[in-house]
Every structure is written in C-alpha cells, then in structure tokens.
Amino acid sequence: MTVSAEKPTRCVAGIVIYRPEWEALQRLVASLTDDVTTIAIYANWPVSGEEQQALEAGAGAAELVVLRPGLNRGLGAAYNVLRQLAEACGSEFLLLLDQDSRPPAGLVGALAATYRDLTSRGERVAVVGPQPVDIEGEAMRLSAVRAQLRGEGDPVRSRFVISSGSLIGLDALAAIGAFRGDYFIDAIDIEWCLRAGAAGYSIWVDPAVSMPHQLGRGVIRLPLGLLLTDQPARRLYTYVRNQLAMLRLPHVPMRHKAKFLISLPVRLAVHLVHHRFSRDCVTALANGLIDGARNRLGPPDRALIPWRNAGLGSRFARNAGAAADAASGPRPA
C-alpha cells in the first residue's frame, strides 16, 4: 500500500547494521527520505567517510545520523540508543528497521495514521507493525489476540510484532521501559511486547500495510504445515537461551511459556537433524539450554562459534557484554 503524505512524520527511522550490503542499505535509506525527519544508522560495522556521504546523498531532505558505538553491542542496546536519539529530536515515533528491510513508500505515514486512529478510539497503543510477508509474498501468520475491529483489512491486535518495520510511540516506550540489552539478539521484540501488554498497552498489526521480511536463512518445513526458522548455530544459542530466560518473567503469559516448553524438544530435534549434528549446533544448543536455565545472558560468546571468521574475539565479546549490561532494560526478579 502506498500512502502519500504532505509532510514527513516526526519520526526517527533507526537502522541497525552489521556486515551490510551497501547497495541495499542505500536503497533503504532512499526509500525513507519523504517519510521521516531523521534516519539514524546504528553502525555495528565500520562506515567509511565515502559510504556515509553516499548515504547522506540518498537521504535527501531527511537528516542522516551515523552512530558509531565502536563495538557490537547487540540489538537491544542499539534500540535504546535510537530511542534516546528520537527523544532528543523531539520525535513522536521511533521506526525500527533491519538493514535488509524493504518498506513500501508511505509506510510510516500509514502506520502513524493507524496508530493515531486506534488511540482516538481509546486504545493504549504501544506499537503498530506492518503485515510481514515472505519472499513469495505470502502473509506470515500472526499471533492474534482478537479479530479485526470492523472488518477485513482493519488493524489486528496481536501479542507481539516483529521489530523490523514496527512504529513505536515514544510516550508508550517511556512508560513501558527499555529494550533488553542483555538479550543481545533474539526475542527482544517479543519480551518488550509482552511487557507492554502486561502494562495495559496494546500491540497492533496493520494488514493494509505489508512489508517483506526474511526470517533467518529461510524456513524448515515440517509435516502438518509447521515451519521453523533456519538459523546459524549462534542464533540457535541466543534463541534457546533467551526464550528459556523469559520463563522467569512474571509478565510473560503462561500460554507463551507452555507453548515454548512443549515445542522445545521438537525444535531441538529438528535443528540437530537439519544441521546434521554438527559440533557447532550441538554446542550452541547445549550451552543455550544451560545458560537459559541459569539466566546467564549477554553476548553469544558461549555459542562457541568461530568468531575469528567474523574478526571477533573473546575480548570483544567481554567488552560487548559489559556494554550490553549497561544498556539493558529491567532485570528479571
């Protein structure tokens, strides 16, 4: 859906990058120029002066800001810094995007209109996200709470939304609290949305606004139409660890906890078979189970993936862990 706006929404579009494909990033920046007032690049990867100039040229009338943390602090810490920037800019909203997101023209204006409309109806809205679609254009299933308010195409209340493409009201974000920096990556959006729901806020998806979304390296198709996301070993570690850690949190509904625990043995078995019981996979899953049970969070240094291939080391991971702890949200009881 393409929606034209008379002027950009008072919104900071925050893009977290790590090993980006620069042409795709430039296209993403250019697609936002008429929709937002500020585009912020949180660079978990070096950005040269020449690359920054190219991004600034593509940003057009929107201000482009490049944030350089100096090391990979993870998504939660990045989101919290982007929130601080949006507040400093006097923005109404924060839009979160992955580096490979492909938002349609007018996405921000359309989601902002939905946000304000829902608010005018008395809803305490935390976030509105687009309808995610896969690479084939099929709508991904939503964790719906109830049916649409009026009819087909109307906003759907959900338990959580994917962070990429989500438009968050800064007033709601201030009330709900920071993102979990200690999760580093995976389940950060789920935990924050569930915390918002427990605080009396609502989470929405607008089916009239769709955005392509690539989950991991694709999907693993199982019988009865079941799908699992195909992830590298270090992401399996953070997924299992963070989901287990969420079981401690009182604001996570029992339904979510039960669903995860029931499905966990199947998930473990499928990933082990899919990865052919590779040492990396076995180690990542085993350490994810141990660290999740112990509530040992921070960067995924215990996934025992060959960080040297990414130019990282144990010292990097320790520094990132300290940074993530400093930027983390509320700790579990």
Protein backbone atom coordinates (compact mmCIF):
# COMPACT_ATOMS: atom_id res chain seq x y z
CA MET A 1 0.00 0.00 0.00
CA THR A 2 1.38 3.41 -0.97
CA VAL A 3 0.29 6.40 1.05
CA SER A 4 1.40 9.90 0.20
CA ALA A 5 1.89 12.40 2.98
CA GLU A 6 2.01 16.18 2.85
CA LYS A 7 5.00 16.25 5.15
CA PRO A 8 7.23 13.69 6.86
CA THR A 9 6.10 12.16 10.14
CA ARG A 10 8.01 13.33 13.22
CA CYS A 11 9.83 10.04 13.38
CA VAL A 12 13.36 8.71 13.63
CA ALA A 13 13.91 5.67 11.44
CA GLY A 14 16.59 3.59 13.15
CA ILE A 15 18.55 1.04 11.10
CA VAL A 16 20.96 -1.31 12.86
CA ILE A 17 23.67 -2.55 10.52
CA TYR A 18 26.17 -5.40 10.71
CA ARG A 19 28.04 -6.54 7.60
CA PRO A 20 25.58 -4.68 5.38
CA GLU A 21 25.13 -4.99 1.64
CA TRP A 22 25.75 -1.33 0.83
CA GLU A 23 23.61 -1.00 -2.28
CA ALA A 24 20.63 -2.48 -0.43
CA LEU A 25 21.26 -0.13 2.50
CA GLN A 26 21.39 2.86 0.18
CA ARG A 27 18.07 1.83 -1.36
CA LEU A 28 16.56 1.50 2.09
CA VAL A 29 17.74 4.97 3.12
CA ALA A 30 16.45 6.49 -0.12
CA SER A 31 13.04 4.88 0.40
CA LEU A 32 12.60 6.75 3.70
CA THR A 33 13.54 10.26 2.63
CA ASP A 34 9.96 11.52 2.21
CA ASP A 35 8.54 9.63 5.20
CA VAL A 36 10.64 10.62 8.22
CA THR A 37 12.52 13.59 9.57
CA THR A 38 15.64 11.68 10.65
CA ILE A 39 17.33 8.47 9.52
CA ALA A 40 19.76 7.01 12.03
CA ILE A 41 22.29 4.31 11.18
CA TYR A 42 23.48 2.42 14.25
CA ALA A 43 26.73 1.03 12.90
CA ASN A 44 27.81 -2.28 14.40
CA TRP A 45 30.14 -2.33 11.42
CA PRO A 46 32.64 0.29 10.14
CA VAL A 47 31.21 3.04 7.92
CA SER A 48 33.77 4.93 5.86
CA GLY A 49 33.52 8.62 5.10
CA GLU A 50 32.75 7.85 1.46
CA GLU A 51 30.00 5.43 2.43
CA GLN A 52 28.48 7.96 4.82
CA GLN A 53 28.47 10.61 2.11
CA ALA A 54 26.64 8.25 -0.24
CA LEU A 55 24.05 7.53 2.45
CA GLU A 56 23.62 11.25 3.17
CA ALA A 57 23.04 11.92 -0.52
CA GLY A 58 20.37 9.21 -0.63
CA ALA A 59 18.64 10.55 2.49
CA GLY A 60 17.54 13.67 0.63
CA ALA A 61 15.68 16.10 2.89
CA ALA A 62 15.83 13.77 5.87
CA GLU A 63 18.70 14.25 8.30
CA LEU A 64 21.08 11.29 8.34
CA VAL A 65 22.92 10.41 11.55
CA VAL A 66 25.54 7.65 11.84
CA LEU A 67 26.03 6.31 15.35
CA ARG A 68 29.33 4.50 15.93
CA PRO A 69 29.36 2.52 19.19
CA GLY A 70 32.84 1.16 18.49
CA LEU A 71 31.88 -2.48 19.04
CA ASN A 72 28.90 -4.74 18.53
CA ARG A 73 26.61 -4.06 21.49
CA GLY A 74 23.67 -6.08 20.17
CA LEU A 75 20.18 -5.09 19.07
CA GLY A 76 18.67 -4.23 22.45
CA ALA A 77 21.39 -1.72 23.29
CA ALA A 78 21.13 -0.28 19.77
CA TYR A 79 17.35 0.17 20.09
CA ASN A 80 17.81 2.01 23.40
CA VAL A 81 20.32 4.44 21.90
CA LEU A 82 17.99 5.04 18.94
CA ARG A 83 15.19 5.78 21.39
CA GLN A 84 17.37 8.38 23.13
CA LEU A 85 18.13 10.00 19.79
CA ALA A 86 14.43 10.10 18.86
CA GLU A 87 13.60 11.75 22.17
CA ALA A 88 16.39 14.30 21.68
CA CYS A 89 14.99 15.08 18.21
CA GLY A 90 11.53 15.75 19.63
CA SER A 91 10.05 12.92 17.58
CA GLU A 92 6.65 11.34 18.10
CA PHE A 93 7.66 7.89 16.89
CA LEU A 94 10.61 5.53 16.51
CA LEU A 95 10.64 3.21 13.50
CA LEU A 96 12.89 0.15 13.78
CA LEU A 97 14.31 -1.45 10.65
CA ASP A 98 16.73 -4.22 9.76
CA GLN A 99 19.44 -3.36 7.27
CA ASP A 100 17.75 -5.50 4.60
CA SER A 101 14.21 -4.24 5.24
CA ARG A 102 12.20 -3.12 2.22
CA PRO A 103 9.49 -0.77 3.47
CA PRO A 104 6.97 0.39 0.85
CA ALA A 105 6.61 4.08 0.11
CA GLY A 106 4.38 5.75 2.67
CA LEU A 107 4.76 3.00 5.30
CA VAL A 108 5.50 5.44 8.14
CA GLY A 109 2.60 7.75 7.32
CA ALA A 110 0.19 4.83 7.03
CA LEU A 111 1.28 3.22 10.31
CA ALA A 112 1.23 6.59 12.09
CA ALA A 113 -2.33 7.20 10.86
CA THR A 114 -3.36 3.78 12.17
CA TYR A 115 -1.64 4.46 15.49
CA ARG A 116 -3.46 7.78 15.94
CA ASP A 117 -6.80 6.33 14.85
CA LEU A 118 -6.54 3.50 17.38
CA THR A 119 -5.53 5.99 20.07
CA SER A 120 -8.56 8.14 19.27
CA ARG A 121 -10.76 5.07 19.88
CA GLY A 122 -9.39 4.78 23.40
CA GLU A 123 -6.70 2.15 22.80
CA ARG A 124 -3.43 2.49 24.71
CA VAL A 125 -1.25 1.72 21.72
CA ALA A 126 2.39 0.76 22.16
CA VAL A 127 3.34 -0.19 18.61
CA VAL A 128 1.86 -0.75 15.16
CA GLY A 129 3.65 -3.00 12.69
CA PRO A 130 3.10 -3.84 9.04
CA GLN A 131 1.86 -7.23 7.88
CA PRO A 132 5.05 -9.23 7.30
CA VAL A 133 5.14 -11.24 4.08
CA ASP A 134 7.67 -13.84 2.97
CA ILE A 135 9.79 -13.70 -0.17
CA GLU A 136 6.94 -15.27 -2.13
CA GLY A 137 4.52 -12.56 -1.00
CA GLU A 138 2.55 -14.81 1.36
CA ALA A 139 1.36 -13.20 4.59
CA MET A 140 3.07 -14.62 7.66
CA ARG A 141 0.82 -15.92 10.42
CA LEU A 142 0.18 -13.51 13.26
CA SER A 143 -0.17 -14.13 16.99
CA ALA A 144 -3.59 -12.50 17.03
CA VAL A 145 -5.38 -11.67 20.26
CA ARG A 146 -8.74 -10.91 18.69
CA ALA A 147 -10.33 -10.34 15.31
CA GLN A 148 -10.27 -7.04 13.46
CA LEU A 149 -12.22 -4.17 14.94
CA ARG A 150 -14.52 -3.57 11.99
CA GLY A 151 -13.79 -5.90 9.13
CA GLU A 152 -11.27 -7.29 6.69
CA GLY A 153 -8.24 -5.03 6.30
CA ASP A 154 -8.69 -3.35 9.69
CA PRO A 155 -5.91 -3.46 12.31
CA VAL A 156 -5.43 -6.74 14.14
CA ARG A 157 -4.48 -6.80 17.81
CA SER A 158 -1.50 -9.09 18.35
CA ARG A 159 0.62 -10.36 21.23
CA PHE A 160 3.80 -9.14 19.59
CA VAL A 161 5.19 -7.81 16.33
CA ILE A 162 8.48 -8.29 14.52
CA SER A 163 10.77 -5.39 15.35
CA SER A 164 11.62 -4.65 11.72
CA GLY A 165 9.05 -2.20 10.41
CA SER A 166 7.47 -1.53 13.81
CA LEU A 167 6.38 2.03 14.61
CA ILE A 168 6.65 2.69 18.35
CA GLY A 169 5.14 5.65 20.17
CA LEU A 170 7.82 7.33 22.26
CA ASP A 171 5.38 8.15 25.06
CA ALA A 172 4.46 4.48 25.31
CA LEU A 173 8.11 3.43 25.13
CA ALA A 174 8.96 5.75 28.02
CA ALA A 175 6.20 4.18 30.12
CA ILE A 176 6.93 0.55 29.21
CA GLY A 177 10.68 0.77 29.59
CA ALA A 178 13.87 -0.04 27.73
CA PHE A 179 14.62 -2.98 25.49
CA ARG A 180 16.60 -5.87 26.93
CA GLY A 181 20.21 -5.13 26.08
CA ASP A 182 21.35 -8.29 27.86
CA TYR A 183 19.43 -10.47 25.38
CA PHE A 184 21.84 -9.16 22.69
CA ILE A 185 19.73 -10.57 19.84
CA ASP A 186 16.58 -12.75 19.55
CA ALA A 187 13.31 -12.41 21.49
CA ILE A 188 13.98 -8.75 22.31
CA ASP A 189 10.86 -7.65 20.43
CA ILE A 190 8.77 -10.48 21.91
CA GLU A 191 9.76 -9.72 25.52
CA TRP A 192 9.14 -5.98 25.11
CA CYS A 193 5.72 -6.51 23.51
CA LEU A 194 4.66 -8.96 26.22
CA ARG A 195 5.82 -6.47 28.85
CA ALA A 196 3.81 -3.77 27.11
CA GLY A 197 0.72 -5.98 27.14
CA ALA A 198 1.14 -6.68 30.84
CA ALA A 199 1.34 -2.91 31.45
CA GLY A 200 -2.03 -2.38 29.75
CA TYR A 201 -0.79 -1.36 26.30
CA SER A 202 -1.87 -2.94 23.03
CA ILE A 203 0.15 -4.27 20.09
CA TRP A 204 -1.22 -3.99 16.56
CA VAL A 205 -0.56 -5.16 13.02
CA ASP A 206 -1.99 -3.26 10.06
CA PRO A 207 -2.89 -5.78 7.30
CA ALA A 208 -3.33 -2.90 4.84
CA VAL A 209 0.42 -2.20 5.03
CA SER A 210 2.66 -5.11 4.09
CA MET A 211 6.45 -5.42 4.18
CA PRO A 212 8.66 -8.29 3.02
CA HIS A 213 10.59 -9.97 5.80
CA GLN A 214 13.28 -12.63 5.60
CA LEU A 215 13.47 -14.87 8.65
CA GLY A 216 17.00 -16.15 9.19
CA ARG A 217 18.32 -18.21 6.27
CA GLY A 218 14.84 -19.39 5.29
CA VAL A 219 12.42 -21.89 6.75
CA ILE A 220 12.49 -25.58 7.62
CA ARG A 221 9.20 -27.12 6.50
CA LEU A 222 7.74 -29.85 8.70
CA PRO A 223 4.67 -32.09 8.36
CA LEU A 224 1.22 -30.60 9.04
CA GLY A 225 2.36 -27.26 7.68
CA LEU A 226 4.66 -26.46 10.60
CA LEU A 227 7.57 -24.12 9.93
CA LEU A 228 10.80 -23.42 11.82
CA THR A 229 13.28 -20.67 11.06
CA ASP A 230 16.62 -21.90 9.74
CA GLN A 231 19.30 -20.11 11.76
CA PRO A 232 23.08 -20.37 12.13
CA ALA A 233 24.31 -22.00 15.32
CA ARG A 234 24.99 -18.81 17.28
CA ARG A 235 21.40 -17.66 16.66
CA LEU A 236 20.10 -21.02 17.85
CA TYR A 237 22.04 -20.38 21.05
CA THR A 238 20.51 -16.96 21.70
CA TYR A 239 17.03 -18.14 20.71
CA VAL A 240 17.01 -21.06 23.14
CA ARG A 241 18.79 -19.12 25.89
CA ASN A 242 16.58 -16.04 25.75
CA GLN A 243 13.31 -17.95 25.46
CA LEU A 244 14.28 -20.03 28.50
CA ALA A 245 15.25 -16.87 30.40
CA MET A 246 11.82 -15.40 29.60
CA LEU A 247 10.17 -18.21 31.56
CA ARG A 248 11.31 -16.44 34.73
CA LEU A 249 9.46 -13.23 33.91
CA PRO A 250 6.07 -12.69 35.57
CA HIS A 251 4.72 -10.61 32.67
CA VAL A 252 5.20 -13.45 30.17
CA PRO A 253 1.82 -15.25 29.85
CA MET A 254 1.59 -18.89 30.89
CA ARG A 255 0.29 -19.71 27.41
CA HIS A 256 3.53 -18.47 25.87
CA LYS A 257 5.65 -20.36 28.41
CA ALA A 258 3.72 -23.60 27.92
CA LYS A 259 3.83 -23.33 24.12
CA PHE A 260 7.60 -22.88 24.15
CA LEU A 261 8.25 -25.73 26.60
CA ILE A 262 6.01 -28.15 24.70
CA SER A 263 7.61 -27.30 21.36
CA LEU A 264 11.21 -27.20 22.63
CA PRO A 265 12.04 -30.92 22.25
CA VAL A 266 10.74 -30.89 18.67
CA ARG A 267 12.67 -27.72 17.86
CA LEU A 268 15.89 -29.15 19.26
CA ALA A 269 15.49 -32.40 17.35
CA VAL A 270 14.68 -30.68 14.06
CA HIS A 271 17.65 -28.32 14.27
CA LEU A 272 20.03 -31.12 15.22
CA VAL A 273 18.93 -33.21 12.25
CA HIS A 274 18.89 -30.22 9.90
CA HIS A 275 22.45 -29.29 10.94
CA ARG A 276 23.49 -32.97 10.80
CA PHE A 277 24.51 -32.96 14.45
CA SER A 278 27.40 -30.61 13.70
CA ARG A 279 29.62 -29.74 16.64
CA ASP A 280 28.69 -26.07 16.37
CA CYS A 281 24.97 -26.84 16.50
CA VAL A 282 25.23 -29.32 19.38
CA THR A 283 27.41 -26.93 21.38
CA ALA A 284 25.21 -23.92 20.70
CA LEU A 285 22.01 -25.69 21.70
CA ALA A 286 23.56 -27.29 24.80
CA ASN A 287 25.01 -24.00 26.01
CA GLY A 288 21.76 -22.23 25.19
CA LEU A 289 19.88 -24.64 27.43
CA ILE A 290 22.43 -24.30 30.25
CA ASP A 291 22.72 -20.51 30.09
CA GLY A 292 18.98 -20.04 29.71
CA ALA A 293 18.32 -22.16 32.78
CA ARG A 294 20.97 -20.24 34.72
CA ASN A 295 19.80 -16.87 33.37
CA ARG A 296 23.31 -16.20 32.06
CA LEU A 297 22.79 -13.53 29.43
CA GLY A 298 24.92 -11.10 27.42
CA PRO A 299 26.70 -11.54 24.07
CA PRO A 300 26.69 -15.02 22.48
CA ASP A 301 30.31 -15.79 23.31
CA ARG A 302 29.39 -19.23 24.71
CA ALA A 303 27.80 -20.33 21.45
CA LEU A 304 31.39 -21.37 20.59
CA ILE A 305 31.05 -20.27 17.00
CA PRO A 306 34.40 -19.47 15.30
CA TRP A 307 34.28 -15.73 15.99
CA ARG A 308 37.64 -15.35 14.26
CA ASN A 309 35.79 -15.71 10.97
CA ALA A 310 33.93 -12.51 11.78
CA GLY A 311 37.02 -10.77 13.09
CA LEU A 312 35.82 -11.03 16.70
CA GLY A 313 37.47 -12.41 19.80
CA SER A 314 36.79 -13.19 23.40
CA ARG A 315 37.96 -9.74 24.45
CA PHE A 316 35.43 -8.22 22.04
CA ALA A 317 32.70 -10.39 23.49
CA ARG A 318 33.57 -9.43 27.07
CA ASN A 319 33.52 -5.73 26.17
CA ALA A 320 30.22 -6.16 24.37
CA GLY A 321 28.81 -7.94 27.38
CA ALA A 322 29.70 -5.05 29.65
CA ALA A 323 28.15 -2.62 27.19
CA ALA A 324 25.01 -4.72 26.88
CA ASP A 325 24.64 -4.89 30.65
CA ALA A 326 24.97 -1.12 30.89
CA ALA A 327 22.28 -0.58 28.26
CA SER A 328 19.93 -3.38 29.30
CA GLY A 329 16.38 -2.94 30.41
CA PRO A 330 14.83 -4.24 33.62
CA ARG A 331 16.42 -7.35 35.07
CA PRO A 332 14.27 -10.35 35.91
CA ALA A 333 13.44 -11.00 39.53
